[in-house]
N, C-alpha and C. Protein backbone atom coordinates (compact mmCIF):
# COMPACT_ATOMS: atom_id res chain seq x y z
N UNK A 1 -7.10 9.02 2.71
CA UNK A 1 -7.17 8.07 3.89
C UNK A 1 -6.47 8.83 4.73
N UNK A 2 -6.83 9.50 6.00
CA UNK A 2 -6.12 9.81 7.21
C UNK A 2 -5.40 8.50 7.98
N UNK A 3 -4.14 8.98 7.92
CA UNK A 3 -3.00 8.05 8.35
C UNK A 3 -3.26 8.30 10.04
N UNK A 4 -3.17 7.02 10.49
CA UNK A 4 -3.45 6.99 12.22
C UNK A 4 -1.82 7.58 12.74
N UNK A 5 -0.84 7.53 11.85
CA UNK A 5 0.75 7.46 12.24
C UNK A 5 0.98 8.78 12.26
N UNK A 6 0.54 9.88 11.26
CA UNK A 6 0.69 11.22 11.22
C UNK A 6 -0.53 12.39 11.30
N UNK A 7 -1.36 11.94 11.47
CA UNK A 7 -2.87 12.46 11.49
C UNK A 7 -2.92 13.37 10.00
N UNK A 8 -2.08 12.53 8.97
CA UNK A 8 -2.40 13.74 7.69
C UNK A 8 -2.78 12.70 6.82
N UNK A 9 -3.46 13.03 5.57
CA UNK A 9 -4.07 12.44 4.70
C UNK A 9 -3.00 11.79 3.41
N UNK A 10 -3.52 10.73 2.80
CA UNK A 10 -2.62 10.13 1.34
C UNK A 10 -3.51 9.53 0.84
N UNK A 11 -3.42 8.37 -0.01
CA UNK A 11 -3.80 8.09 -0.85
C UNK A 11 -3.59 6.45 -0.49
N UNK A 12 -4.75 5.87 -0.75
CA UNK A 12 -4.16 4.19 -0.28
C UNK A 12 -3.16 3.72 -0.92
N UNK A 13 -2.23 3.19 -0.03
CA UNK A 13 -1.30 2.22 -0.47
C UNK A 13 -0.32 1.46 0.28
N UNK A 14 0.66 0.89 -0.25
CA UNK A 14 1.48 0.38 0.65
C UNK A 14 2.53 -0.46 0.15
N UNK A 15 2.86 -1.70 0.74
CA UNK A 15 3.96 -2.62 0.08
C UNK A 15 3.36 -3.56 -0.25
N UNK A 16 3.79 -4.04 -1.60
CA UNK A 16 2.96 -5.35 -1.95
C UNK A 16 3.69 -6.59 -0.92
N UNK A 17 3.25 -7.63 -1.52
CA UNK A 17 3.38 -8.74 -0.33
C UNK A 17 3.45 -9.91 -1.91
N UNK A 18 4.37 -10.58 -1.15
CA UNK A 18 5.10 -11.81 -2.42
C UNK A 18 4.02 -12.34 -2.37
N UNK A 19 3.96 -12.58 -4.03
CA UNK A 19 3.11 -12.87 -4.93
C UNK A 19 2.25 -11.98 -5.73
N UNK A 20 1.95 -10.80 -4.90
CA UNK A 20 1.33 -9.61 -5.51
C UNK A 20 1.77 -9.06 -7.06
N UNK A 21 0.78 -9.46 -7.92
CA UNK A 21 1.19 -8.26 -8.88
C UNK A 21 0.82 -6.68 -8.48
N UNK A 22 1.22 -5.98 -9.20
CA UNK A 22 1.23 -4.64 -8.79
C UNK A 22 -0.17 -4.35 -8.48
N UNK A 23 -1.13 -4.67 -9.65
CA UNK A 23 -2.26 -4.34 -9.23
C UNK A 23 -3.16 -4.64 -8.56
N UNK A 24 -2.95 -5.91 -8.32
CA UNK A 24 -3.29 -6.67 -7.41
C UNK A 24 -3.10 -6.25 -5.71
N UNK A 25 -1.64 -5.71 -5.79
CA UNK A 25 -1.19 -5.10 -4.46
C UNK A 25 -2.10 -3.71 -4.18
N UNK A 26 -2.39 -2.95 -5.32
CA UNK A 26 -3.03 -1.77 -5.05
C UNK A 26 -4.60 -2.23 -4.64
N UNK A 27 -4.97 -2.94 -5.42
CA UNK A 27 -6.21 -3.06 -5.07
C UNK A 27 -6.78 -3.60 -3.69
N UNK A 28 -5.73 -4.64 -3.22
CA UNK A 28 -5.62 -5.06 -1.94
C UNK A 28 -5.79 -4.17 -0.68
N UNK A 29 -4.85 -3.15 -1.21
CA UNK A 29 -4.44 -1.86 -0.20
C UNK A 29 -5.54 -1.24 -0.01
N UNK A 30 -6.24 -0.42 -1.29
CA UNK A 30 -7.31 0.37 -0.94
C UNK A 30 -8.20 -0.05 -0.37
N UNK A 31 -8.77 -1.76 -0.52
CA UNK A 31 -9.81 -2.45 0.46
C UNK A 31 -9.07 -2.41 1.77
N UNK A 32 -8.09 -2.89 2.16
CA UNK A 32 -7.65 -2.71 3.59
C UNK A 32 -7.67 -1.54 4.33
N UNK A 33 -7.01 -0.29 3.35
CA UNK A 33 -7.16 1.14 4.23
C UNK A 33 -8.33 1.80 3.96
N UNK A 34 -9.23 1.29 3.44
CA UNK A 34 -10.25 2.36 2.94
C UNK A 34 -12.02 1.80 3.38
N UNK A 35 -12.05 0.68 2.75
CA UNK A 35 -13.14 -0.63 2.77
C UNK A 35 -13.86 -0.55 1.69
N UNK A 36 -13.46 0.01 0.23
CA UNK A 36 -13.66 0.30 -1.11
C UNK A 36 -13.54 -0.66 -1.69
N UNK A 37 -13.98 -1.67 -2.35
CA UNK A 37 -13.60 -2.69 -3.35
C UNK A 37 -13.28 -1.82 -4.77
N UNK A 38 -12.28 -1.86 -5.58
CA UNK A 38 -12.12 -1.40 -6.43
C UNK A 38 -11.26 -2.56 -7.50
N UNK A 39 -11.17 -1.74 -9.04
CA UNK A 39 -10.48 -2.85 -9.88
C UNK A 39 -9.32 -1.74 -10.58
N UNK A 40 -8.20 -2.16 -10.42
CA UNK A 40 -7.38 -1.57 -11.01
C UNK A 40 -7.59 -1.11 -12.75
N UNK A 41 -7.68 0.11 -13.35
CA UNK A 41 -7.97 0.08 -14.76
C UNK A 41 -6.48 0.76 -15.81
N UNK A 42 -5.92 1.30 -14.64
CA UNK A 42 -4.73 2.09 -15.57
C UNK A 42 -3.62 2.49 -14.86
N UNK A 43 -2.31 2.14 -15.26
CA UNK A 43 -1.11 2.58 -14.33
C UNK A 43 -0.79 4.02 -15.09
N UNK A 44 -0.78 4.63 -14.04
CA UNK A 44 -0.71 6.41 -14.23
C UNK A 44 0.76 6.98 -14.12
N UNK A 45 1.48 6.68 -13.17
CA UNK A 45 2.75 6.82 -12.93
C UNK A 45 3.49 6.09 -12.41
N UNK A 46 4.61 5.80 -12.35
CA UNK A 46 5.81 4.98 -11.73
C UNK A 46 6.99 5.79 -11.71
N UNK A 47 7.00 6.33 -10.21
CA UNK A 47 7.85 7.45 -9.73
C UNK A 47 9.13 6.77 -9.00
N UNK A 48 10.14 7.10 -9.06
CA UNK A 48 11.39 6.94 -8.00
C UNK A 48 11.04 8.18 -7.04
N UNK A 49 10.97 7.29 -5.77
CA UNK A 49 10.54 8.33 -4.43
C UNK A 49 11.33 9.35 -4.29
N UNK A 50 12.70 8.99 -4.36
CA UNK A 50 14.05 10.05 -4.39
C UNK A 50 14.11 11.06 -4.83
N UNK A 51 13.53 10.90 -6.29
CA UNK A 51 13.52 11.95 -7.28
C UNK A 51 12.43 12.89 -7.30
N UNK A 52 11.49 12.89 -6.26
CA UNK A 52 10.06 13.16 -6.52
C UNK A 52 10.09 14.46 -5.41
N UNK A 53 11.20 13.94 -4.27
CA UNK A 53 11.19 15.23 -3.53
C UNK A 53 10.32 15.40 -2.18
N UNK A 54 10.47 13.77 -1.91
CA UNK A 54 9.78 13.54 -0.69
C UNK A 54 10.87 13.66 0.25
N UNK A 55 10.15 13.68 1.70
CA UNK A 55 11.61 13.48 2.61
C UNK A 55 12.23 12.22 2.90
N UNK A 56 13.47 11.97 3.43
CA UNK A 56 14.22 11.31 3.16
C UNK A 56 13.70 10.09 3.49
N UNK A 57 14.09 8.67 3.15
CA UNK A 57 13.48 7.36 3.54
C UNK A 57 14.45 6.30 3.54
N UNK A 58 14.73 5.63 4.23
CA UNK A 58 16.05 4.34 4.58
C UNK A 58 15.77 3.72 3.45
N UNK A 59 14.93 3.33 2.50
CA UNK A 59 14.75 2.70 1.62
C UNK A 59 14.62 3.05 0.04
N UNK A 60 15.07 2.49 -0.53
CA UNK A 60 14.85 2.76 -2.11
C UNK A 60 13.25 2.37 -2.57
N UNK A 61 12.43 3.35 -2.89
CA UNK A 61 11.49 2.98 -3.67
C UNK A 61 10.65 3.58 -4.92
N UNK A 62 10.25 2.39 -5.40
CA UNK A 62 9.34 3.14 -6.57
C UNK A 62 7.69 2.84 -6.38
N UNK A 63 7.27 4.30 -6.79
CA UNK A 63 5.85 4.28 -6.44
C UNK A 63 4.94 4.38 -7.40
N UNK A 64 4.18 3.47 -7.69
CA UNK A 64 3.10 2.93 -8.60
C UNK A 64 1.66 3.62 -8.30
N UNK A 65 1.31 4.69 -9.20
CA UNK A 65 0.02 5.13 -8.99
C UNK A 65 -0.91 4.53 -10.48
N UNK A 66 -2.08 3.92 -9.68
CA UNK A 66 -3.31 3.21 -10.17
C UNK A 66 -4.24 4.12 -10.33
N UNK A 67 -5.15 4.11 -11.51
CA UNK A 67 -6.35 4.46 -11.47
C UNK A 67 -7.26 3.11 -11.21
N UNK A 68 -8.08 3.63 -10.28
CA UNK A 68 -8.94 2.12 -9.96
C UNK A 68 -10.47 2.89 -10.09
N UNK A 69 -11.16 1.58 -10.43
CA UNK A 69 -12.80 2.01 -10.48
C UNK A 69 -13.26 1.54 -9.25
N UNK A 70 -14.08 2.29 -8.80
CA UNK A 70 -14.93 1.78 -7.47
C UNK A 70 -16.28 0.80 -7.76
N UNK A 71 -15.72 -0.26 -7.24
CA UNK A 71 -16.99 -1.30 -7.75
C UNK A 71 -17.83 -1.96 -6.41
N UNK A 72 -17.55 -1.42 -5.12
CA UNK A 72 -18.23 -1.98 -4.26
C UNK A 72 -17.60 -1.24 -2.91
N UNK A 73 -18.29 -1.87 -1.66
CA UNK A 73 -17.90 -1.62 -0.62
C UNK A 73 -18.24 -0.34 0.07
N UNK A 74 -17.95 0.30 1.41
CA UNK A 74 -18.24 1.28 1.81
C UNK A 74 -17.15 1.85 2.92
N UNK A 75 -16.83 3.53 2.98
CA UNK A 75 -15.81 3.84 4.07
C UNK A 75 -15.57 3.18 5.25
N UNK A 76 -14.46 2.77 5.47
CA UNK A 76 -14.29 2.29 6.86
C UNK A 76 -12.94 2.64 7.46
N UNK A 77 -12.67 2.59 8.45
CA UNK A 77 -11.37 3.04 9.14
C UNK A 77 -10.73 1.25 9.19
N UNK A 78 -9.14 1.62 9.74
CA UNK A 78 -8.59 0.25 9.81
C UNK A 78 -7.26 0.45 10.96
N UNK A 79 -6.61 -0.38 10.97
CA UNK A 79 -5.52 -0.28 11.80
C UNK A 79 -4.35 1.10 11.62
N UNK A 80 -4.41 0.89 10.40
CA UNK A 80 -3.85 2.36 9.76
C UNK A 80 -4.29 3.76 9.57
N UNK A 81 -5.65 3.61 9.30
CA UNK A 81 -6.35 5.01 8.63
C UNK A 81 -7.27 5.52 9.75
N UNK A 82 -7.81 6.38 10.15
CA UNK A 82 -8.37 6.94 11.11
C UNK A 82 -9.70 7.47 10.19
N UNK A 83 -9.77 8.01 9.26
CA UNK A 83 -10.97 8.31 7.94
C UNK A 83 -10.64 8.02 6.95
N UNK A 84 -11.69 7.93 6.26
CA UNK A 84 -11.70 7.75 4.49
C UNK A 84 -12.50 8.85 3.91
N UNK A 85 -12.05 9.48 2.85
CA UNK A 85 -12.59 10.08 2.45
C UNK A 85 -12.46 10.78 0.96
N UNK A 86 -12.85 11.75 0.05
CA UNK A 86 -12.94 12.12 -1.11
C UNK A 86 -12.64 13.63 -1.20
N UNK A 87 -11.90 14.07 -1.64
CA UNK A 87 -12.14 15.90 -2.06
C UNK A 87 -11.63 16.16 -3.35
N UNK A 88 -12.09 17.27 -3.58
CA UNK A 88 -11.74 18.27 -4.85
C UNK A 88 -10.30 18.35 -4.98
N UNK A 89 -9.96 18.49 -6.00
CA UNK A 89 -8.37 18.85 -6.28
C UNK A 89 -8.00 20.46 -5.71
N UNK A 90 -8.84 21.08 -5.36
CA UNK A 90 -8.73 22.62 -5.15
C UNK A 90 -8.91 22.60 -3.59
N UNK A 91 -9.23 21.48 -2.48
CA UNK A 91 -9.92 21.55 -1.29
C UNK A 91 -9.03 20.23 -0.74
N UNK A 92 -8.01 20.03 -0.96
CA UNK A 92 -7.04 19.23 -0.42
C UNK A 92 -6.52 19.38 1.22
N UNK A 93 -6.78 18.66 1.66
CA UNK A 93 -6.62 18.45 3.44
C UNK A 93 -5.14 18.10 3.51
N UNK A 94 -4.25 18.55 4.74
CA UNK A 94 -2.79 18.62 4.96
C UNK A 94 -2.46 16.77 4.62
N UNK A 95 -1.42 16.88 3.43
CA UNK A 95 -1.14 15.69 3.16
C UNK A 95 0.06 14.95 4.01
N UNK A 96 0.27 13.90 3.89
CA UNK A 96 1.47 13.24 4.76
C UNK A 96 2.52 12.82 3.41
N UNK A 97 3.50 14.01 3.71
CA UNK A 97 4.33 14.44 2.48
C UNK A 97 5.32 13.09 2.16
N UNK A 98 5.50 12.48 3.51
CA UNK A 98 6.02 11.17 3.06
C UNK A 98 5.50 10.39 2.02
N UNK A 99 4.37 10.18 1.92
CA UNK A 99 3.50 9.37 1.03
C UNK A 99 2.94 9.79 -0.28
N UNK A 100 2.90 11.35 -0.02
CA UNK A 100 2.19 11.47 -1.52
C UNK A 100 2.63 13.21 -1.42
N UNK A 101 2.53 13.83 -2.55
CA UNK A 101 3.29 15.23 -2.42
C UNK A 101 2.00 15.80 -3.36
N UNK A 102 1.93 17.32 -2.76
CA UNK A 102 0.93 18.12 -3.85
C UNK A 102 0.98 18.22 -5.53
N UNK A 103 2.23 17.95 -5.95
CA UNK A 103 2.28 17.88 -6.90
C UNK A 103 1.50 16.52 -8.17
N UNK A 104 1.93 15.22 -7.07
CA UNK A 104 1.56 14.07 -7.39
C UNK A 104 0.37 14.03 -7.52
N UNK A 105 -0.72 14.78 -6.74
CA UNK A 105 -1.83 14.69 -6.65
C UNK A 105 -2.71 15.52 -7.85
N UNK A 106 -1.88 16.63 -8.23
CA UNK A 106 -2.39 17.20 -9.42
C UNK A 106 -2.20 17.00 -10.30
N UNK A 107 -0.81 16.31 -10.51
CA UNK A 107 -0.60 15.50 -11.93
C UNK A 107 -1.78 14.40 -12.11
N UNK A 108 -2.16 13.51 -10.90
CA UNK A 108 -3.27 12.63 -11.11
C UNK A 108 -4.51 13.07 -11.39
N UNK A 109 -4.84 14.09 -11.34
CA UNK A 109 -6.21 14.88 -11.64
C UNK A 109 -5.77 15.01 -12.73
N UNK A 110 -4.82 15.72 -13.24
CA UNK A 110 -4.48 15.66 -14.98
C UNK A 110 -5.00 14.77 -15.66
N UNK A 111 -4.54 13.53 -14.94
CA UNK A 111 -4.59 12.09 -15.90
C UNK A 111 -6.15 11.73 -15.85
N UNK A 112 -6.84 12.15 -14.96
CA UNK A 112 -8.19 11.78 -14.74
C UNK A 112 -8.81 12.66 -15.69
N UNK A 113 -8.39 14.15 -16.03
CA UNK A 113 -9.29 14.77 -17.28
C UNK A 113 -8.93 14.27 -18.27
N UNK A 114 -7.51 13.94 -18.77
CA UNK A 114 -7.07 13.62 -19.73
C UNK A 114 -6.61 12.38 -19.96
N UNK A 115 -7.66 11.38 -20.20
CA UNK A 115 -7.42 9.86 -19.97
C UNK A 115 -6.44 9.34 -20.98
N UNK A 116 -6.19 9.94 -22.25
CA UNK A 116 -5.04 9.51 -23.21
C UNK A 116 -3.88 9.90 -22.48
N UNK A 117 -3.40 10.74 -21.68
CA UNK A 117 -1.81 10.79 -21.12
C UNK A 117 -1.37 9.46 -21.15
N UNK A 118 0.02 9.50 -21.48
CA UNK A 118 0.67 7.93 -21.34
C UNK A 118 1.28 8.10 -19.89
N UNK A 119 1.53 6.86 -19.37
CA UNK A 119 1.73 6.84 -18.00
C UNK A 119 3.19 7.64 -17.68
N UNK A 120 3.10 8.37 -16.70
CA UNK A 120 4.38 9.03 -16.63
C UNK A 120 5.47 7.94 -15.72
N UNK A 121 6.92 8.40 -15.79
CA UNK A 121 7.71 7.61 -15.20
C UNK A 121 8.77 8.42 -14.62
N UNK A 122 9.70 7.76 -13.86
CA UNK A 122 10.92 8.64 -13.25
C UNK A 122 10.81 9.81 -12.42
C-alpha cells in the first residue's frame, strides 16, 4: 500500500488496539488499509525495529510479520493509503523505510518460497 504520509510503499500494518491479539490486529490493519479481507496463517517474523536498521523512532517497537491468506474484499484506498497493489520481488516500488526495509521484504519472499522456514526473531 502507498502511504499518504510519505508517498512511499509498505506492507499493511499498524498499532494493535487494546484487546486485539497480534493476528487480529494484522487482519484488521490489512482490511482498513487495503480493503482486502484476510486470514493470518503463519507468523513469519518478530523483529526488534531498533536492531533492523530502520530510521530512529521515539518508541521501542517489535514488528510482527504475518503471512495472510486473501479471502475476499477488493483494493481500496483509505485515510492512510493512496493506492493498493501487489509487486513481484524484483520490481519493488520505493519503500517507506520507517515501516519496512528491502531486506525484510526479501526475507518474507524467502518464507513464501520455503514454507517450512521457522519464524525469524530479533
